[in-house]
N, C-alpha and C. Protein backbone atom coordinates (compact mmCIF):
# COMPACT_ATOMS: atom_id res chain seq x y z
N MET A 1 -67.25 29.31 -12.78
CA MET A 1 -66.33 30.75 -11.80
C MET A 1 -65.72 31.08 -13.03
N VAL A 2 -65.58 32.59 -12.48
CA VAL A 2 -64.58 33.57 -13.59
C VAL A 2 -63.52 33.85 -12.23
N THR A 3 -61.78 33.69 -12.38
CA THR A 3 -61.58 34.49 -11.45
C THR A 3 -60.90 35.07 -12.27
N PHE A 4 -60.60 36.63 -12.10
CA PHE A 4 -59.58 37.64 -12.79
C PHE A 4 -58.71 38.75 -11.26
N ILE A 5 -58.05 39.27 -11.99
CA ILE A 5 -56.90 39.42 -11.33
C ILE A 5 -57.16 41.07 -10.71
N THR A 6 -57.04 41.89 -9.94
CA THR A 6 -57.63 43.22 -9.74
C THR A 6 -56.92 43.56 -8.90
N SER A 7 -56.72 45.11 -8.57
CA SER A 7 -55.98 45.97 -7.62
C SER A 7 -56.76 46.37 -6.67
N PRO A 8 -55.60 47.28 -5.46
CA PRO A 8 -56.87 48.24 -4.13
C PRO A 8 -57.12 49.02 -4.74
N TRP A 9 -57.11 50.37 -4.33
CA TRP A 9 -57.94 51.74 -4.76
C TRP A 9 -58.11 52.34 -3.04
N THR A 10 -57.26 53.23 -3.46
CA THR A 10 -58.14 54.37 -1.98
C THR A 10 -58.21 55.44 -2.63
N ASN A 11 -58.70 56.39 -1.52
CA ASN A 11 -59.55 57.13 -1.97
C ASN A 11 -58.25 58.71 -2.10
N GLY A 12 -56.84 58.39 -1.90
CA GLY A 12 -55.58 59.23 -1.24
C GLY A 12 -55.67 59.83 0.38
N LYS A 13 -56.45 58.81 1.18
CA LYS A 13 -56.27 59.11 2.31
C LYS A 13 -56.94 58.11 3.05
N PRO A 14 -56.26 57.38 2.48
CA PRO A 14 -57.23 55.96 3.38
C PRO A 14 -56.96 55.67 4.96
N ASN A 15 -57.21 55.32 5.72
CA ASN A 15 -57.26 55.15 6.72
C ASN A 15 -56.60 53.49 7.21
N SER A 16 -55.49 53.48 7.16
CA SER A 16 -55.16 51.95 7.84
C SER A 16 -55.31 52.04 9.81
N GLU A 17 -56.31 52.74 9.87
CA GLU A 17 -56.77 52.06 11.33
C GLU A 17 -57.90 51.52 11.15
N THR A 18 -59.05 51.79 10.37
CA THR A 18 -60.16 51.83 10.24
C THR A 18 -60.82 51.10 8.94
N GLY A 19 -59.95 51.65 8.14
CA GLY A 19 -60.22 50.95 6.39
C GLY A 19 -61.10 51.49 6.10
N SER A 20 -61.21 52.59 6.31
CA SER A 20 -62.38 53.39 5.21
C SER A 20 -61.37 54.21 4.44
N GLY A 21 -62.36 54.50 3.31
CA GLY A 21 -60.99 54.93 1.78
C GLY A 21 -60.50 53.76 1.50
N PHE A 22 -60.56 52.72 1.10
CA PHE A 22 -59.94 51.64 0.64
C PHE A 22 -61.10 50.82 0.00
N GLY A 23 -60.76 50.27 -1.66
CA GLY A 23 -62.14 49.26 -2.70
C GLY A 23 -60.94 48.45 -3.31
N LEU A 24 -61.85 47.87 -3.96
CA LEU A 24 -61.13 47.47 -5.22
C LEU A 24 -61.38 47.72 -6.61
N ARG A 25 -60.56 47.85 -7.83
CA ARG A 25 -60.75 48.18 -8.86
C ARG A 25 -61.06 47.14 -9.57
N ILE A 26 -62.68 46.92 -10.44
CA ILE A 26 -63.27 46.27 -10.71
C ILE A 26 -62.73 46.26 -12.66
N PRO A 27 -62.35 45.96 -13.45
CA PRO A 27 -61.84 45.91 -14.67
C PRO A 27 -63.64 45.87 -15.35
N SER A 28 -62.99 46.88 -16.37
CA SER A 28 -64.58 47.23 -17.37
C SER A 28 -65.50 46.30 -18.11
N LYS A 29 -63.94 45.01 -18.28
CA LYS A 29 -65.25 44.01 -18.69
C LYS A 29 -65.85 43.20 -17.91
N ILE A 30 -65.13 42.88 -16.82
CA ILE A 30 -65.98 42.26 -15.86
C ILE A 30 -67.05 42.91 -15.44
N ARG A 31 -66.67 44.05 -14.96
CA ARG A 31 -68.36 45.23 -14.43
C ARG A 31 -69.19 44.74 -15.77
N ARG A 32 -68.93 44.89 -16.98
CA ARG A 32 -70.14 44.72 -17.81
C ARG A 32 -70.60 43.38 -18.57
N ASP A 33 -69.87 42.35 -18.17
CA ASP A 33 -69.70 40.75 -18.71
C ASP A 33 -70.61 40.08 -17.29
N ILE A 34 -70.26 40.74 -16.15
CA ILE A 34 -71.02 39.76 -15.15
C ILE A 34 -71.58 40.49 -14.61
N PHE A 35 -71.30 42.24 -13.70
CA PHE A 35 -71.79 42.40 -13.15
C PHE A 35 -73.61 43.10 -13.52
N GLN A 36 -74.44 43.43 -12.99
CA GLN A 36 -75.25 43.54 -12.95
C GLN A 36 -76.04 44.87 -12.95
N LYS A 37 -77.18 45.74 -13.42
CA LYS A 37 -77.11 47.19 -13.22
C LYS A 37 -78.27 47.49 -11.86
N GLU A 38 -78.77 45.92 -11.70
CA GLU A 38 -79.55 46.05 -10.95
C GLU A 38 -79.50 45.44 -9.89
N TRP A 39 -78.39 45.21 -9.67
CA TRP A 39 -77.44 44.79 -7.84
C TRP A 39 -77.25 45.84 -7.39
N GLU A 40 -77.91 46.08 -6.43
CA GLU A 40 -77.52 46.81 -5.20
C GLU A 40 -76.36 47.21 -4.29
N THR A 41 -76.12 45.35 -3.89
CA THR A 41 -74.70 45.01 -3.16
C THR A 41 -74.24 43.62 -3.48
N ILE A 42 -73.19 43.55 -3.32
CA ILE A 42 -72.14 42.49 -3.30
C ILE A 42 -71.64 42.02 -2.04
N THR A 43 -72.02 40.62 -2.14
CA THR A 43 -71.07 39.54 -0.88
C THR A 43 -70.08 39.19 -1.20
N ILE A 44 -68.82 39.84 -0.57
CA ILE A 44 -67.59 39.07 -0.57
C ILE A 44 -67.31 38.37 0.70
N CYS A 45 -66.45 37.26 -0.02
CA CYS A 45 -65.89 36.18 1.02
C CYS A 45 -64.59 36.59 0.98
N THR A 46 -63.96 35.59 2.44
CA THR A 46 -62.57 35.87 2.35
C THR A 46 -62.58 34.31 3.12
N GLU A 47 -61.09 34.10 3.52
CA GLU A 47 -61.09 32.68 4.76
C GLU A 47 -61.86 32.88 5.51
N SER A 48 -62.13 33.88 5.89
CA SER A 48 -62.76 33.92 7.44
C SER A 48 -63.95 34.48 7.65
N ILE A 49 -64.16 35.61 6.74
CA ILE A 49 -65.62 36.51 7.03
C ILE A 49 -65.85 36.59 5.66
N GLU A 50 -67.65 37.07 5.61
CA GLU A 50 -67.86 37.08 4.75
C GLU A 50 -68.67 38.53 4.80
N PHE A 51 -68.54 39.38 3.78
CA PHE A 51 -69.50 41.05 4.21
C PHE A 51 -70.04 41.36 2.98
N VAL A 52 -70.92 42.57 3.51
CA VAL A 52 -71.65 43.09 2.04
C VAL A 52 -71.02 44.52 1.71
N VAL A 53 -71.09 44.17 0.10
CA VAL A 53 -70.75 45.93 -0.17
C VAL A 53 -71.51 46.78 -1.17
N PRO A 54 -72.30 47.81 -0.91
CA PRO A 54 -72.87 48.66 -1.57
C PRO A 54 -71.73 48.84 -3.41
N VAL A 55 -72.85 48.68 -4.50
CA VAL A 55 -72.82 48.80 -5.25
C VAL A 55 -73.46 50.14 -6.16
N THR A 56 -72.41 51.15 -5.57
CA THR A 56 -73.17 52.62 -6.10
C THR A 56 -73.68 52.81 -7.37
N PRO A 57 -74.53 53.90 -7.66
CA PRO A 57 -74.52 54.68 -8.88
C PRO A 57 -73.61 54.98 -9.77
N ALA A 58 -72.79 55.40 -8.81
CA ALA A 58 -71.33 56.29 -9.44
C ALA A 58 -70.77 54.61 -10.04
N PHE A 59 -70.59 53.70 -9.88
CA PHE A 59 -69.94 52.38 -10.18
C PHE A 59 -70.45 52.58 -11.65
N TRP A 60 -71.45 52.07 -11.81
CA TRP A 60 -71.93 52.83 -13.11
C TRP A 60 -71.51 53.71 -14.52
N ARG A 61 -71.56 54.89 -13.68
CA ARG A 61 -71.10 55.82 -14.58
C ARG A 61 -69.21 55.80 -14.93
N GLN A 62 -68.68 56.56 -13.95
CA GLN A 62 -67.60 57.15 -13.94
C GLN A 62 -66.37 56.22 -13.13
N CYS A 63 -66.86 55.31 -12.02
CA CYS A 63 -65.61 54.84 -10.99
C CYS A 63 -66.31 53.41 -10.61
N ASN A 64 -64.82 52.36 -11.07
CA ASN A 64 -65.37 50.75 -11.22
C ASN A 64 -64.79 50.95 -10.69
N GLU A 65 -64.69 51.17 -9.22
CA GLU A 65 -64.46 50.87 -7.97
C GLU A 65 -65.32 50.01 -6.93
N ILE A 66 -65.31 49.04 -6.07
CA ILE A 66 -66.51 48.77 -4.98
C ILE A 66 -65.41 49.23 -3.72
N ARG A 67 -66.41 50.12 -2.66
CA ARG A 67 -65.47 50.86 -2.06
C ARG A 67 -66.19 50.47 -0.42
N SER A 68 -65.53 50.17 0.33
CA SER A 68 -65.82 49.15 1.85
C SER A 68 -64.45 49.51 2.61
N ARG A 69 -65.04 50.24 3.94
CA ARG A 69 -64.33 49.42 5.13
C ARG A 69 -63.86 48.22 5.75
N HIS A 70 -64.57 47.23 5.17
CA HIS A 70 -64.58 46.06 5.10
C HIS A 70 -63.35 45.74 4.17
N ILE A 71 -63.79 45.72 2.92
CA ILE A 71 -62.22 45.56 2.31
C ILE A 71 -61.14 46.15 2.60
N GLY A 72 -61.03 47.52 3.50
CA GLY A 72 -60.04 47.98 4.14
C GLY A 72 -59.61 47.29 5.33
N GLU A 73 -60.20 46.70 5.70
CA GLU A 73 -59.67 46.18 7.10
C GLU A 73 -59.26 44.71 6.32
N TRP A 74 -59.82 44.14 5.64
CA TRP A 74 -58.88 42.96 4.75
C TRP A 74 -57.76 43.09 4.24
N LEU A 75 -57.62 44.25 3.72
CA LEU A 75 -56.66 44.76 3.58
C LEU A 75 -55.49 44.81 4.42
N ILE A 76 -55.81 45.38 5.66
CA ILE A 76 -55.11 45.98 6.80
C ILE A 76 -54.75 44.70 6.99
N ASP A 77 -55.81 43.55 7.35
CA ASP A 77 -55.23 42.50 8.40
C ASP A 77 -54.59 41.43 6.94
N ASN A 78 -54.11 41.66 6.27
CA ASN A 78 -53.67 41.16 5.68
C ASN A 78 -52.13 41.05 5.06
N GLY A 79 -51.50 42.96 5.13
CA GLY A 79 -50.67 43.56 5.14
C GLY A 79 -50.53 44.45 3.66
N LEU A 80 -51.73 44.37 3.44
CA LEU A 80 -51.84 45.03 1.83
C LEU A 80 -52.18 46.36 1.28
N ASP A 81 -52.72 46.97 2.67
CA ASP A 81 -53.00 48.01 2.89
C ASP A 81 -51.96 49.65 2.39
N LYS A 82 -50.78 49.26 2.22
CA LYS A 82 -49.68 50.00 1.71
C LYS A 82 -48.80 49.44 0.61
N TRP A 83 -48.84 50.43 -0.05
CA TRP A 83 -47.43 50.13 -1.72
C TRP A 83 -47.03 50.56 -1.74
N PRO A 84 -45.87 50.65 -2.62
CA PRO A 84 -45.02 51.90 -3.56
C PRO A 84 -45.90 52.38 -4.85
N LYS A 85 -45.93 53.73 -4.72
CA LYS A 85 -46.71 53.93 -5.66
C LYS A 85 -46.62 53.20 -7.17
N GLY A 86 -47.77 52.95 -7.67
CA GLY A 86 -47.38 52.36 -9.05
C GLY A 86 -47.42 51.12 -9.04
N THR A 87 -47.68 50.71 -8.02
CA THR A 87 -47.18 48.77 -7.69
C THR A 87 -47.44 48.27 -6.99
N PRO A 88 -49.12 47.99 -6.73
CA PRO A 88 -50.79 47.63 -5.81
C PRO A 88 -50.39 46.42 -5.98
N PRO A 89 -50.30 45.66 -4.89
CA PRO A 89 -50.68 44.76 -4.44
C PRO A 89 -51.20 43.88 -5.43
N LEU A 90 -51.37 42.42 -6.32
CA LEU A 90 -52.37 41.59 -6.63
C LEU A 90 -53.53 40.97 -5.33
N ILE A 91 -54.76 41.15 -5.84
CA ILE A 91 -55.96 40.37 -5.62
C ILE A 91 -56.32 39.25 -6.62
N TYR A 92 -56.84 38.54 -5.98
CA TYR A 92 -57.69 37.14 -7.16
C TYR A 92 -58.96 37.26 -6.88
N VAL A 93 -60.03 37.80 -7.37
CA VAL A 93 -61.14 37.94 -7.49
C VAL A 93 -62.25 36.77 -8.19
N THR A 94 -62.73 35.40 -7.01
CA THR A 94 -63.10 34.48 -7.69
C THR A 94 -65.03 34.66 -7.76
N HIS A 95 -65.41 34.64 -8.87
CA HIS A 95 -66.81 35.05 -8.79
C HIS A 95 -68.10 34.05 -8.67
N LEU A 96 -68.30 34.22 -7.70
CA LEU A 96 -69.01 32.52 -7.47
C LEU A 96 -70.50 32.04 -7.91
N GLY A 97 -71.04 33.30 -8.53
CA GLY A 97 -72.20 33.05 -8.68
C GLY A 97 -72.98 34.09 -7.99
N GLY A 98 -74.18 35.00 -8.82
CA GLY A 98 -75.09 35.65 -8.77
C GLY A 98 -74.30 36.87 -8.15
N THR A 99 -74.47 37.33 -6.55
CA THR A 99 -73.38 38.65 -6.16
C THR A 99 -72.54 38.42 -5.40
N LYS A 100 -72.37 37.13 -5.53
CA LYS A 100 -71.05 36.74 -4.39
C LYS A 100 -69.49 36.47 -5.08
N PHE A 101 -69.09 36.75 -4.16
CA PHE A 101 -67.31 36.96 -5.06
C PHE A 101 -66.34 36.30 -3.45
N TYR A 102 -65.08 35.83 -4.10
CA TYR A 102 -64.85 35.43 -2.92
C TYR A 102 -63.06 36.25 -3.50
N ILE A 103 -62.26 37.01 -2.68
CA ILE A 103 -61.57 37.40 -2.57
C ILE A 103 -60.07 36.48 -1.70
N SER A 104 -58.79 37.41 -2.01
CA SER A 104 -57.34 36.25 -1.86
C SER A 104 -56.53 36.98 -2.50
N ALA A 105 -55.25 37.08 -1.38
CA ALA A 105 -54.21 37.49 -2.22
C ALA A 105 -53.22 36.81 -2.53
N GLU A 106 -53.90 35.54 -2.85
CA GLU A 106 -53.22 34.53 -3.70
C GLU A 106 -53.90 33.98 -5.12
N ASP A 107 -53.59 33.27 -5.55
CA ASP A 107 -54.43 32.76 -6.88
C ASP A 107 -55.00 31.70 -6.66
N VAL A 108 -56.25 30.88 -6.50
CA VAL A 108 -57.00 30.34 -6.13
C VAL A 108 -57.47 29.78 -7.25
N LYS A 109 -56.58 29.05 -7.58
CA LYS A 109 -56.92 28.30 -8.80
C LYS A 109 -57.50 26.66 -8.46
C-alpha cells in the first residue's frame, strides 16, 4: 500500500452546502505511477462511506484533480471545506489496490 499526502481543490466557487466544486489534487508522480489510463472511475473509501468518482479525460491532459460532490461532502463533514488562502488542509490518501483509495484527515500509518 502507498500512502501520500495531498490537498483539497476547489473550482473557485465551491458550494459548502452541496459539496459541488470540490476535489482532491493528485500529485503528478502518483498519477503517473499508480493511476491507470483505462480507469474510468475510482472508489474512495472513508471511515463511514464509500463512493465512486469519475476519472475524466482532462485528468490525463492538464488537470491533476479528481472532482466530485462526494469529496466535497466529505470535506464539509470533516470541517475541511474552508481554509486560509495558500494553506489548504492535508489529506492522507492510501491506495488500497486496484481502483480503491482510502482518504483521511489524519495519518493512517
